[in-house]
C-alpha atoms as a PDB file:
ATOM      1  CA  UNK A   1      -0.326   0.106  -0.354  1.00  0.00           C
ATOM      2  CA  UNK A   2       1.416   3.690  -0.855  1.00  0.00           C
ATOM      3  CA  UNK A   3       1.739   6.271   1.631  1.00  0.00           C
ATOM      4  CA  UNK A   4      -1.323   8.186  -0.217  1.00  0.00           C
ATOM      5  CA  UNK A   5      -3.445   5.087   0.402  1.00  0.00           C
ATOM      6  CA  UNK A   6      -1.973   4.366   3.933  1.00  0.00           C
ATOM      7  CA  UNK A   7      -3.115   8.049   4.767  1.00  0.00           C
ATOM      8  CA  UNK A   8      -6.393   8.136   3.152  1.00  0.00           C
ATOM      9  CA  UNK A   9      -7.518   5.229   5.069  1.00  0.00           C
ATOM     10  CA  UNK A  10      -6.413   6.763   8.529  1.00  0.00           C
ATOM     11  CA  UNK A  11      -8.716   9.771   7.357  1.00  0.00           C
ATOM     12  CA  UNK A  12     -11.509   7.474   6.526  1.00  0.00           C
ATOM     13  CA  UNK A  13     -11.002   5.542   9.781  1.00  0.00           C
ATOM     14  CA  UNK A  14     -10.741   8.481  11.994  1.00  0.00           C
ATOM     15  CA  UNK A  15     -13.793  10.475  10.325  1.00  0.00           C
ATOM     16  CA  UNK A  16     -15.709   6.961  10.614  1.00  0.00           C
ATOM     17  CA  UNK A  17     -14.803   6.865  14.314  1.00  0.00           C
ATOM     18  CA  UNK A  18     -15.565  10.619  14.850  1.00  0.00           C
ATOM     19  CA  UNK A  19     -19.008  10.316  13.249  1.00  0.00           C
ATOM     20  CA  UNK A  20     -19.763   6.742  15.047  1.00  0.00           C
ATOM     21  CA  UNK A  21     -18.636   7.554  18.566  1.00  0.00           C
ATOM     22  CA  UNK A  22     -21.005  10.912  18.380  1.00  0.00           C
ATOM     23  CA  UNK A  23     -23.515   9.348  17.218  1.00  0.00           C
ATOM     24  CA  UNK A  24     -23.247   6.720  19.607  1.00  0.00           C
ATOM     25  CA  UNK A  25     -22.989   8.747  22.755  1.00  0.00           C
ATOM     26  CA  UNK A  26     -25.673  11.282  21.530  1.00  0.00           C
ATOM     27  CA  UNK A  27     -28.476   8.097  21.305  1.00  0.00           C
ATOM     28  CA  UNK A  28     -26.861   6.559  24.687  1.00  0.00           C
ATOM     29  CA  UNK A  29     -27.000  10.052  26.413  1.00  0.00           C
ATOM     30  CA  UNK A  30     -30.346  11.050  25.204  1.00  0.00           C
ATOM     31  CA  UNK A  31     -31.567   7.850  25.840  1.00  0.00           C
ATOM     32  CA  UNK A  32     -30.324   7.670  29.591  1.00  0.00           C
ATOM     33  CA  UNK A  33     -31.545  11.334  30.119  1.00  0.00           C
ATOM     34  CA  UNK A  34     -35.117  10.073  28.669  1.00  0.00           C
ATOM     35  CA  UNK A  35     -35.333   7.437  31.168  1.00  0.00           C
ATOM     36  CA  UNK A  36     -35.239   9.609  34.091  1.00  0.00           C
ATOM     37  CA  UNK A  37     -32.931   6.860  35.892  1.00  0.00           C
ATOM     38  CA  UNK A  38     -30.318   8.701  37.922  1.00  0.00           C
ATOM     39  CA  UNK A  39     -28.031   5.363  37.834  1.00  0.00           C
ATOM     40  CA  UNK A  40     -28.096   5.020  33.990  1.00  0.00           C
ATOM     41  CA  UNK A  41     -27.462   8.701  33.766  1.00  0.00           C
ATOM     42  CA  UNK A  42     -24.478   8.372  35.955  1.00  0.00           C
ATOM     43  CA  UNK A  43     -23.056   5.363  33.878  1.00  0.00           C
ATOM     44  CA  UNK A  44     -23.757   6.810  30.642  1.00  0.00           C
ATOM     45  CA  UNK A  45     -22.542  10.651  31.171  1.00  0.00           C
ATOM     46  CA  UNK A  46     -19.420   9.112  32.551  1.00  0.00           C
ATOM     47  CA  UNK A  47     -18.760   6.850  29.248  1.00  0.00           C
ATOM     48  CA  UNK A  48     -19.820   9.752  27.121  1.00  0.00           C
ATOM     49  CA  UNK A  49     -17.096  11.837  28.662  1.00  0.00           C
ATOM     50  CA  UNK A  50     -14.762   8.831  28.367  1.00  0.00           C
ATOM     51  CA  UNK A  51     -15.871   8.128  24.764  1.00  0.00           C
ATOM     52  CA  UNK A  52     -14.805  12.008  23.979  1.00  0.00           C
ATOM     53  CA  UNK A  53     -11.407  11.661  25.497  1.00  0.00           C
ATOM     54  CA  UNK A  54     -10.604   8.167  23.929  1.00  0.00           C
ATOM     55  CA  UNK A  55     -12.149   8.315  20.613  1.00  0.00           C
ATOM     56  CA  UNK A  56     -13.253  11.826  19.581  1.00  0.00           C
ATOM     57  CA  UNK A  57     -10.339  13.793  20.739  1.00  0.00           C
ATOM     58  CA  UNK A  58      -7.800  11.648  18.919  1.00  0.00           C
ATOM     59  CA  UNK A  59     -10.259  11.884  15.815  1.00  0.00           C
ATOM     60  CA  UNK A  60     -10.612  15.751  15.651  1.00  0.00           C
ATOM     61  CA  UNK A  61      -6.764  15.871  15.544  1.00  0.00           C
ATOM     62  CA  UNK A  62      -6.248  13.307  13.021  1.00  0.00           C
ATOM     63  CA  UNK A  63      -8.840  14.770  10.562  1.00  0.00           C
ATOM     64  CA  UNK A  64      -7.512  18.018   9.726  1.00  0.00           C
ATOM     65  CA  UNK A  65      -3.717  16.454  10.052  1.00  0.00           C
ATOM     66  CA  UNK A  66      -4.661  13.800   7.323  1.00  0.00           C
ATOM     67  CA  UNK A  67      -7.020  15.850   5.322  1.00  0.00           C
ATOM     68  CA  UNK A  68      -4.562  18.912   4.653  1.00  0.00           C
ATOM     69  CA  UNK A  69      -1.645  16.436   4.080  1.00  0.00           C
ATOM     70  CA  UNK A  70      -3.764  14.340   1.715  1.00  0.00           C
ATOM     71  CA  UNK A  71      -5.104  17.647  -0.162  1.00  0.00           C
ATOM     72  CA  UNK A  72      -1.318  18.404  -0.955  1.00  0.00           C
ATOM     73  CA  UNK A  73      -0.455  15.042  -2.184  1.00  0.00           C
ATOM     74  CA  UNK A  74      -2.945  14.994  -4.475  1.00  0.00           C
ATOM     75  CA  UNK A  75      -2.718  18.489  -5.786  1.00  0.00           C
ATOM     76  CA  UNK A  76      -5.709  19.969  -4.451  1.00  0.00           C
ATOM     77  CA  UNK A  77      -5.367  23.668  -3.144  1.00  0.00           C
ATOM     78  CA  UNK A  78      -6.562  24.802  -0.187  1.00  0.00           C
ATOM     79  CA  UNK A  79      -8.717  27.154  -1.734  1.00  0.00           C
ATOM     80  CA  UNK A  80     -10.635  24.899  -3.632  1.00  0.00           C
ATOM     81  CA  UNK A  81     -14.455  25.932  -2.579  1.00  0.00           C
ATOM     82  CA  UNK A  82     -15.642  22.426  -1.693  1.00  0.00           C
ATOM     83  CA  UNK A  83     -12.507  22.138   0.695  1.00  0.00           C
ATOM     84  CA  UNK A  84     -13.272  25.666   2.151  1.00  0.00           C
ATOM     85  CA  UNK A  85     -16.517  24.517   2.542  1.00  0.00           C
ATOM     86  CA  UNK A  86     -15.355  21.433   4.265  1.00  0.00           C
ATOM     87  CA  UNK A  87     -12.980  23.043   6.232  1.00  0.00           C
ATOM     88  CA  UNK A  88     -15.757  25.511   7.614  1.00  0.00           C
ATOM     89  CA  UNK A  89     -17.999  23.142   8.145  1.00  0.00           C
ATOM     90  CA  UNK A  90     -15.148  21.558  10.395  1.00  0.00           C
ATOM     91  CA  UNK A  91     -14.874  24.766  12.149  1.00  0.00           C
ATOM     92  CA  UNK A  92     -18.643  24.679  12.839  1.00  0.00           C
ATOM     93  CA  UNK A  93     -18.835  21.469  14.218  1.00  0.00           C
ATOM     94  CA  UNK A  94     -15.841  22.029  16.400  1.00  0.00           C
ATOM     95  CA  UNK A  95     -17.521  24.795  17.775  1.00  0.00           C
ATOM     96  CA  UNK A  96     -20.548  23.161  18.503  1.00  0.00           C
ATOM     97  CA  UNK A  97     -18.414  19.891  19.833  1.00  0.00           C
ATOM     98  CA  UNK A  98     -16.095  22.146  22.177  1.00  0.00           C
ATOM     99  CA  UNK A  99     -19.109  23.392  24.408  1.00  0.00           C
ATOM    100  CA  UNK A 100     -20.405  20.076  24.372  1.00  0.00           C
ATOM    101  CA  UNK A 101     -17.674  18.581  25.960  1.00  0.00           C
ATOM    102  CA  UNK A 102     -17.966  20.875  28.570  1.00  0.00           C
ATOM    103  CA  UNK A 103     -21.804  20.634  29.461  1.00  0.00           C
ATOM    104  CA  UNK A 104     -20.917  16.656  29.508  1.00  0.00           C
ATOM    105  CA  UNK A 105     -18.368  17.230  32.189  1.00  0.00           C
ATOM    106  CA  UNK A 106     -20.921  19.324  34.236  1.00  0.00           C
ATOM    107  CA  UNK A 107     -23.595  16.944  33.415  1.00  0.00           C
ATOM    108  CA  UNK A 108     -21.742  13.921  34.956  1.00  0.00           C
ATOM    109  CA  UNK A 109     -20.105  16.190  38.023  1.00  0.00           C
ATOM    110  CA  UNK A 110     -24.118  16.874  38.770  1.00  0.00           C
ATOM    111  CA  UNK A 111     -25.198  13.413  38.314  1.00  0.00           C
ATOM    112  CA  UNK A 112     -22.494  11.759  40.042  1.00  0.00           C
ATOM    113  CA  UNK A 113     -22.779  14.597  43.269  1.00  0.00           C
ATOM    114  CA  UNK A 114     -26.702  14.141  43.030  1.00  0.00           C
ATOM    115  CA  UNK A 115     -28.349  11.527  46.096  1.00  0.00           C
ATOM    116  CA  UNK A 116     -29.834   8.810  45.131  1.00  0.00           C
ATOM    117  CA  UNK A 117     -33.522   9.402  45.345  1.00  0.00           C
ATOM    118  CA  UNK A 118     -33.170  13.252  44.711  1.00  0.00           C
ATOM    119  CA  UNK A 119     -34.134  14.695  41.504  1.00  0.00           C
ATOM    120  CA  UNK A 120     -31.885  16.099  39.203  1.00  0.00           C
ATOM    121  CA  UNK A 121     -31.186  19.934  39.427  1.00  0.00           C
ATOM    122  CA  UNK A 122     -33.079  22.141  36.935  1.00  0.00           C
ATOM    123  CA  UNK A 123     -29.555  23.110  35.594  1.00  0.00           C
ATOM    124  CA  UNK A 124     -28.796  19.770  34.549  1.00  0.00           C
ATOM    125  CA  UNK A 125     -32.099  19.487  32.471  1.00  0.00           C
ATOM    126  CA  UNK A 126     -31.097  22.802  30.943  1.00  0.00           C
ATOM    127  CA  UNK A 127     -27.773  21.689  29.877  1.00  0.00           C
ATOM    128  CA  UNK A 128     -28.920  18.360  28.589  1.00  0.00           C
ATOM    129  CA  UNK A 129     -31.447  20.323  26.343  1.00  0.00           C
ATOM    130  CA  UNK A 130     -28.378  22.696  25.023  1.00  0.00           C
ATOM    131  CA  UNK A 131     -26.027  19.692  24.765  1.00  0.00           C
ATOM    132  CA  UNK A 132     -29.066  18.130  22.717  1.00  0.00           C
ATOM    133  CA  UNK A 133     -29.522  21.171  20.748  1.00  0.00           C
ATOM    134  CA  UNK A 134     -25.704  21.590  19.939  1.00  0.00           C
ATOM    135  CA  UNK A 135     -25.345  18.028  18.802  1.00  0.00           C
ATOM    136  CA  UNK A 136     -27.797  18.566  15.471  1.00  0.00           C
ATOM    137  CA  UNK A 137     -25.708  21.445  13.622  1.00  0.00           C
ATOM    138  CA  UNK A 138     -22.547  18.971  14.566  1.00  0.00           C
ATOM    139  CA  UNK A 139     -24.155  16.317  13.411  1.00  0.00           C
ATOM    140  CA  UNK A 140     -25.343  17.720  10.112  1.00  0.00           C
ATOM    141  CA  UNK A 141     -22.204  19.434   9.442  1.00  0.00           C
ATOM    142  CA  UNK A 142     -20.262  15.695   9.585  1.00  0.00           C
ATOM    143  CA  UNK A 143     -22.968  14.873   7.228  1.00  0.00           C
ATOM    144  CA  UNK A 144     -22.674  17.597   4.863  1.00  0.00           C
ATOM    145  CA  UNK A 145     -18.393  17.087   5.305  1.00  0.00           C
ATOM    146  CA  UNK A 146     -18.846  13.646   3.988  1.00  0.00           C
ATOM    147  CA  UNK A 147     -20.876  14.716   1.049  1.00  0.00           C
ATOM    148  CA  UNK A 148     -18.412  17.326   0.172  1.00  0.00           C
ATOM    149  CA  UNK A 149     -15.182  14.942   0.246  1.00  0.00           C
ATOM    150  CA  UNK A 150     -17.085  12.334  -1.851  1.00  0.00           C
ATOM    151  CA  UNK A 151     -18.620  14.432  -4.300  1.00  0.00           C
ATOM    152  CA  UNK A 152     -16.246  17.494  -4.503  1.00  0.00           C
ATOM    153  CA  UNK A 153     -18.714  19.824  -6.230  1.00  0.00           C
ATOM    154  CA  UNK A 154     -18.027  23.031  -8.212  1.00  0.00           C
ATOM    155  CA  UNK A 155     -19.367  25.374  -5.957  1.00  0.00           C
END
């Protein structure tokens, strides 16, 4: 396998990891919050934070490094409109993800410190709504990036 194909494989795998982890943690977080079960929320909040550190963060770093490297090898200037659009969307996704990380950590701390049998405070509910709302532009942004990378349209 030549270096371009190896790099492209790493890029595709890390984008898959980024998307899959995001979708999986979003589903589990949403379902745990809907359940109303404090123990479920505690476990899922802890695992969502861990998944972000173990899977999402490395993928977030690998994506732009391998993406720029691939563009250079393939001869695409970074000023290609489809590539600029993808980079802009990646920044948007990151702008949604960074607050989500902070929100997830706060939700974990709140759920861990809430005594068994007590309701979660209103702050937790507000944070979970923000967490959910910020996930949508990030999810749709990643879908659009996938399309741009595959189609490479003339914009």
